[in-house]
Amino acid sequence: MAIHMPWITHAKQVLRRSSLAAANKAASSSSSTDVPKGHFAVYVGESEKKRFVIPVSYLNNPSFQDLLGQVEEEYGFHHSMGGLTIPCSEDIFVDLAARLGGS
């Protein structure tokens, strides 16, 4: 039996839209904003946002899903930056990404 998690579906839709927006932007200007296939960009930080490019496989990890759930509950996924914004401290995100990268 499958577990239905609508917020994950919503997150994937947001990431897909962000990916399309990034592809359109990259097509109009060749800069360092390119995202490799199988990855997506997120903006992390409480005041100043820093861009991270992370593997799509992180979406399957329960810890990352929990973080996305908390972000959606608190802030939603609609941000003016056009990408997925995670308003947590950069240190917390880097720690989580390091743990996910080692698993």
N, C-alpha and C. Protein backbone atom coordinates (compact mmCIF):
# COMPACT_ATOMS: atom_id res chain seq x y z
N MET A 1 0.84 -1.17 0.00
CA MET A 1 0.00 0.00 0.00
C MET A 1 0.89 1.24 0.00
N ALA A 2 0.60 2.16 -0.85
CA ALA A 2 1.39 3.39 -0.97
C ALA A 2 0.96 4.42 0.07
N ILE A 3 1.92 5.16 0.55
CA ILE A 3 1.64 6.25 1.49
C ILE A 3 1.52 7.53 0.67
N HIS A 4 0.44 8.24 0.85
CA HIS A 4 0.21 9.47 0.08
C HIS A 4 0.74 10.66 0.85
N MET A 5 1.70 11.37 0.25
CA MET A 5 2.28 12.56 0.87
C MET A 5 2.15 13.71 -0.12
N PRO A 6 1.03 14.45 -0.06
CA PRO A 6 0.80 15.51 -1.05
C PRO A 6 1.86 16.59 -1.05
N TRP A 7 2.50 16.87 0.08
CA TRP A 7 3.49 17.93 0.10
C TRP A 7 4.72 17.55 -0.70
N ILE A 8 5.03 16.24 -0.81
CA ILE A 8 6.16 15.82 -1.64
C ILE A 8 5.82 16.04 -3.10
N THR A 9 4.60 15.71 -3.50
CA THR A 9 4.17 15.95 -4.87
C THR A 9 4.26 17.44 -5.18
N HIS A 10 3.81 18.26 -4.24
CA HIS A 10 3.87 19.71 -4.42
C HIS A 10 5.32 20.17 -4.54
N ALA A 11 6.20 19.63 -3.69
CA ALA A 11 7.62 20.01 -3.74
C ALA A 11 8.23 19.63 -5.08
N LYS A 12 7.88 18.45 -5.59
CA LYS A 12 8.40 18.04 -6.89
C LYS A 12 7.90 18.96 -7.99
N GLN A 13 6.64 19.41 -7.90
CA GLN A 13 6.11 20.34 -8.90
C GLN A 13 6.85 21.67 -8.83
N VAL A 14 7.10 22.15 -7.63
CA VAL A 14 7.82 23.40 -7.46
C VAL A 14 9.23 23.27 -8.02
N LEU A 15 9.89 22.13 -7.71
CA LEU A 15 11.24 21.92 -8.21
C LEU A 15 11.25 21.83 -9.73
N ARG A 16 10.24 21.20 -10.31
CA ARG A 16 10.15 21.10 -11.75
C ARG A 16 10.00 22.49 -12.36
N ARG A 17 9.12 23.33 -11.77
CA ARG A 17 8.94 24.69 -12.27
C ARG A 17 10.24 25.48 -12.13
N SER A 18 10.91 25.32 -10.99
CA SER A 18 12.17 26.01 -10.77
C SER A 18 13.21 25.57 -11.78
N SER A 19 13.22 24.27 -12.06
CA SER A 19 14.16 23.73 -13.03
C SER A 19 13.90 24.31 -14.41
N LEU A 20 12.63 24.40 -14.79
CA LEU A 20 12.28 24.98 -16.08
C LEU A 20 12.67 26.45 -16.14
N ALA A 21 12.42 27.17 -15.06
CA ALA A 21 12.78 28.59 -15.02
C ALA A 21 14.29 28.75 -15.12
N ALA A 22 15.03 27.89 -14.43
CA ALA A 22 16.49 27.94 -14.49
C ALA A 22 16.98 27.59 -15.89
N ALA A 23 16.34 26.63 -16.53
CA ALA A 23 16.73 26.24 -17.89
C ALA A 23 16.50 27.40 -18.86
N ASN A 24 15.36 28.08 -18.70
CA ASN A 24 15.08 29.23 -19.56
C ASN A 24 16.08 30.35 -19.32
N LYS A 25 16.41 30.59 -18.07
CA LYS A 25 17.38 31.63 -17.73
C LYS A 25 18.76 31.26 -18.27
N ALA A 26 19.15 29.99 -18.13
CA ALA A 26 20.45 29.54 -18.61
C ALA A 26 20.52 29.64 -20.13
N ALA A 27 19.40 29.40 -20.80
CA ALA A 27 19.39 29.49 -22.26
C ALA A 27 19.61 30.93 -22.70
N SER A 28 19.12 31.89 -21.90
CA SER A 28 19.27 33.28 -22.29
C SER A 28 20.62 33.86 -21.91
N SER A 29 21.29 33.25 -20.91
CA SER A 29 22.62 33.72 -20.54
C SER A 29 23.43 32.55 -20.03
N SER A 30 24.61 32.36 -20.55
CA SER A 30 25.45 31.25 -20.10
C SER A 30 26.29 31.74 -18.93
N SER A 31 25.90 31.36 -17.73
CA SER A 31 26.62 31.76 -16.54
C SER A 31 26.81 30.55 -15.65
N SER A 32 27.22 30.76 -14.43
CA SER A 32 27.47 29.66 -13.51
C SER A 32 26.19 29.16 -12.85
N THR A 33 25.03 29.51 -13.39
CA THR A 33 23.77 29.07 -12.79
C THR A 33 23.30 27.73 -13.32
N ASP A 34 24.10 27.06 -14.15
CA ASP A 34 23.71 25.77 -14.70
C ASP A 34 23.62 24.73 -13.59
N VAL A 35 22.60 23.89 -13.69
CA VAL A 35 22.40 22.82 -12.73
C VAL A 35 22.57 21.51 -13.47
N PRO A 36 23.47 20.64 -13.02
CA PRO A 36 23.68 19.37 -13.71
C PRO A 36 22.43 18.49 -13.66
N LYS A 37 22.31 17.63 -14.64
CA LYS A 37 21.18 16.70 -14.68
C LYS A 37 21.19 15.86 -13.40
N GLY A 38 20.00 15.65 -12.85
CA GLY A 38 19.89 14.88 -11.62
C GLY A 38 20.10 15.69 -10.36
N HIS A 39 20.15 16.99 -10.48
CA HIS A 39 20.34 17.89 -9.35
C HIS A 39 19.32 19.02 -9.41
N PHE A 40 19.18 19.76 -8.31
CA PHE A 40 18.35 20.94 -8.30
C PHE A 40 18.94 21.96 -7.34
N ALA A 41 18.57 23.20 -7.55
CA ALA A 41 19.10 24.28 -6.73
C ALA A 41 18.11 24.64 -5.63
N VAL A 42 18.65 24.90 -4.46
CA VAL A 42 17.85 25.42 -3.35
C VAL A 42 18.57 26.65 -2.81
N TYR A 43 17.80 27.54 -2.22
CA TYR A 43 18.35 28.74 -1.59
C TYR A 43 18.17 28.57 -0.10
N VAL A 44 19.26 28.69 0.65
CA VAL A 44 19.26 28.40 2.08
C VAL A 44 19.76 29.62 2.84
N GLY A 45 19.09 29.90 3.94
CA GLY A 45 19.53 30.98 4.82
C GLY A 45 18.35 31.70 5.42
N GLU A 46 18.60 32.33 6.55
CA GLU A 46 17.53 33.03 7.23
C GLU A 46 17.40 34.47 6.74
N SER A 47 18.50 35.14 6.49
CA SER A 47 18.43 36.50 5.96
C SER A 47 19.07 36.55 4.58
N GLU A 48 20.36 36.28 4.50
CA GLU A 48 21.02 36.23 3.19
C GLU A 48 20.97 34.80 2.68
N LYS A 49 20.46 34.62 1.47
CA LYS A 49 20.28 33.29 0.90
C LYS A 49 21.51 32.86 0.11
N LYS A 50 21.92 31.62 0.33
CA LYS A 50 23.03 31.04 -0.42
C LYS A 50 22.48 29.90 -1.26
N ARG A 51 22.94 29.81 -2.49
CA ARG A 51 22.46 28.80 -3.44
C ARG A 51 23.27 27.52 -3.31
N PHE A 52 22.57 26.38 -3.19
CA PHE A 52 23.19 25.07 -3.15
C PHE A 52 22.60 24.23 -4.27
N VAL A 53 23.41 23.44 -4.92
CA VAL A 53 22.94 22.49 -5.93
C VAL A 53 23.10 21.11 -5.32
N ILE A 54 21.97 20.42 -5.18
CA ILE A 54 21.98 19.13 -4.50
C ILE A 54 21.34 18.06 -5.37
N PRO A 55 21.67 16.79 -5.12
CA PRO A 55 21.10 15.70 -5.92
C PRO A 55 19.60 15.54 -5.68
N VAL A 56 18.89 15.18 -6.72
CA VAL A 56 17.45 14.93 -6.62
C VAL A 56 17.19 13.76 -5.67
N SER A 57 18.15 12.86 -5.54
CA SER A 57 17.98 11.70 -4.66
C SER A 57 17.71 12.10 -3.22
N TYR A 58 18.08 13.32 -2.82
CA TYR A 58 17.80 13.79 -1.46
C TYR A 58 16.30 13.81 -1.18
N LEU A 59 15.49 13.95 -2.23
CA LEU A 59 14.04 14.00 -2.05
C LEU A 59 13.49 12.70 -1.47
N ASN A 60 14.21 11.60 -1.63
CA ASN A 60 13.77 10.31 -1.11
C ASN A 60 14.15 10.10 0.35
N ASN A 61 15.02 10.94 0.88
CA ASN A 61 15.49 10.76 2.25
C ASN A 61 14.50 11.32 3.26
N PRO A 62 14.15 10.51 4.28
CA PRO A 62 13.18 10.97 5.28
C PRO A 62 13.59 12.25 6.00
N SER A 63 14.87 12.45 6.26
CA SER A 63 15.31 13.68 6.94
C SER A 63 15.06 14.90 6.07
N PHE A 64 15.36 14.78 4.77
CA PHE A 64 15.14 15.89 3.86
C PHE A 64 13.65 16.13 3.67
N GLN A 65 12.86 15.06 3.60
CA GLN A 65 11.41 15.19 3.48
C GLN A 65 10.83 15.90 4.69
N ASP A 66 11.37 15.57 5.86
CA ASP A 66 10.92 16.23 7.09
C ASP A 66 11.22 17.72 7.04
N LEU A 67 12.43 18.08 6.59
CA LEU A 67 12.81 19.48 6.46
C LEU A 67 11.87 20.20 5.49
N LEU A 68 11.60 19.60 4.33
CA LEU A 68 10.69 20.21 3.36
C LEU A 68 9.28 20.36 3.92
N GLY A 69 8.84 19.37 4.69
CA GLY A 69 7.52 19.46 5.32
C GLY A 69 7.43 20.62 6.29
N GLN A 70 8.48 20.80 7.08
CA GLN A 70 8.51 21.91 8.03
C GLN A 70 8.53 23.25 7.30
N VAL A 71 9.29 23.33 6.22
CA VAL A 71 9.37 24.56 5.43
C VAL A 71 8.01 24.89 4.83
N GLU A 72 7.35 23.87 4.25
CA GLU A 72 6.05 24.11 3.64
C GLU A 72 5.03 24.55 4.68
N GLU A 73 5.04 23.89 5.83
CA GLU A 73 4.08 24.22 6.88
C GLU A 73 4.27 25.65 7.38
N GLU A 74 5.53 26.05 7.53
CA GLU A 74 5.82 27.37 8.09
C GLU A 74 5.75 28.49 7.05
N TYR A 75 6.29 28.23 5.85
CA TYR A 75 6.47 29.31 4.88
C TYR A 75 5.79 29.09 3.54
N GLY A 76 5.41 27.87 3.21
CA GLY A 76 4.91 27.58 1.87
C GLY A 76 6.09 27.50 0.92
N PHE A 77 5.81 27.28 -0.36
CA PHE A 77 6.89 27.13 -1.33
C PHE A 77 6.90 28.26 -2.36
N HIS A 78 6.11 29.29 -2.18
CA HIS A 78 6.05 30.38 -3.15
C HIS A 78 6.96 31.51 -2.70
N HIS A 79 8.09 31.65 -3.40
CA HIS A 79 9.05 32.67 -3.04
C HIS A 79 9.44 33.47 -4.26
N SER A 80 9.80 34.71 -4.05
CA SER A 80 10.14 35.61 -5.14
C SER A 80 11.44 35.23 -5.85
N MET A 81 12.27 34.41 -5.25
CA MET A 81 13.54 34.04 -5.87
C MET A 81 13.34 33.07 -7.03
N GLY A 82 12.17 32.46 -7.15
CA GLY A 82 11.90 31.56 -8.25
C GLY A 82 12.37 30.14 -8.01
N GLY A 83 13.02 29.88 -6.92
CA GLY A 83 13.50 28.54 -6.59
C GLY A 83 12.98 28.11 -5.24
N LEU A 84 13.34 26.93 -4.85
CA LEU A 84 12.94 26.42 -3.55
C LEU A 84 13.81 27.09 -2.50
N THR A 85 13.17 27.77 -1.55
CA THR A 85 13.89 28.47 -0.50
C THR A 85 13.68 27.74 0.82
N ILE A 86 14.77 27.44 1.50
CA ILE A 86 14.72 26.77 2.80
C ILE A 86 15.26 27.75 3.82
N PRO A 87 14.36 28.38 4.59
CA PRO A 87 14.79 29.41 5.53
C PRO A 87 15.28 28.85 6.87
N CYS A 88 16.33 28.03 6.81
CA CYS A 88 16.95 27.55 8.04
C CYS A 88 18.40 28.05 8.01
N SER A 89 19.11 27.86 9.09
CA SER A 89 20.49 28.32 9.09
C SER A 89 21.31 27.49 8.11
N GLU A 90 22.28 28.14 7.53
CA GLU A 90 23.14 27.46 6.55
C GLU A 90 23.87 26.29 7.20
N ASP A 91 24.28 26.45 8.45
CA ASP A 91 25.00 25.38 9.16
C ASP A 91 24.15 24.12 9.28
N ILE A 92 22.88 24.29 9.62
CA ILE A 92 21.98 23.14 9.75
C ILE A 92 21.84 22.43 8.41
N PHE A 93 21.66 23.20 7.34
CA PHE A 93 21.50 22.61 6.02
C PHE A 93 22.76 21.88 5.57
N VAL A 94 23.92 22.50 5.79
CA VAL A 94 25.18 21.88 5.40
C VAL A 94 25.39 20.58 6.17
N ASP A 95 25.04 20.57 7.46
CA ASP A 95 25.16 19.36 8.27
C ASP A 95 24.25 18.26 7.70
N LEU A 96 23.01 18.60 7.40
CA LEU A 96 22.07 17.61 6.83
C LEU A 96 22.58 17.11 5.49
N ALA A 97 23.04 18.00 4.63
CA ALA A 97 23.54 17.60 3.31
C ALA A 97 24.76 16.69 3.45
N ALA A 98 25.61 16.97 4.42
CA ALA A 98 26.79 16.12 4.64
C ALA A 98 26.37 14.72 5.08
N ARG A 99 25.38 14.64 5.97
CA ARG A 99 24.89 13.34 6.40
C ARG A 99 24.23 12.59 5.26
N LEU A 100 23.49 13.30 4.42
CA LEU A 100 22.82 12.65 3.28
C LEU A 100 23.83 12.22 2.24
N GLY A 101 24.87 12.99 2.06
CA GLY A 101 25.90 12.65 1.08
C GLY A 101 26.69 11.40 1.46
N GLY A 102 26.76 11.13 2.73
CA GLY A 102 27.49 9.95 3.21
C GLY A 102 26.67 8.70 3.27
N SER A 103 25.35 8.82 3.06
CA SER A 103 24.50 7.63 3.19
C SER A 103 24.30 6.93 1.87
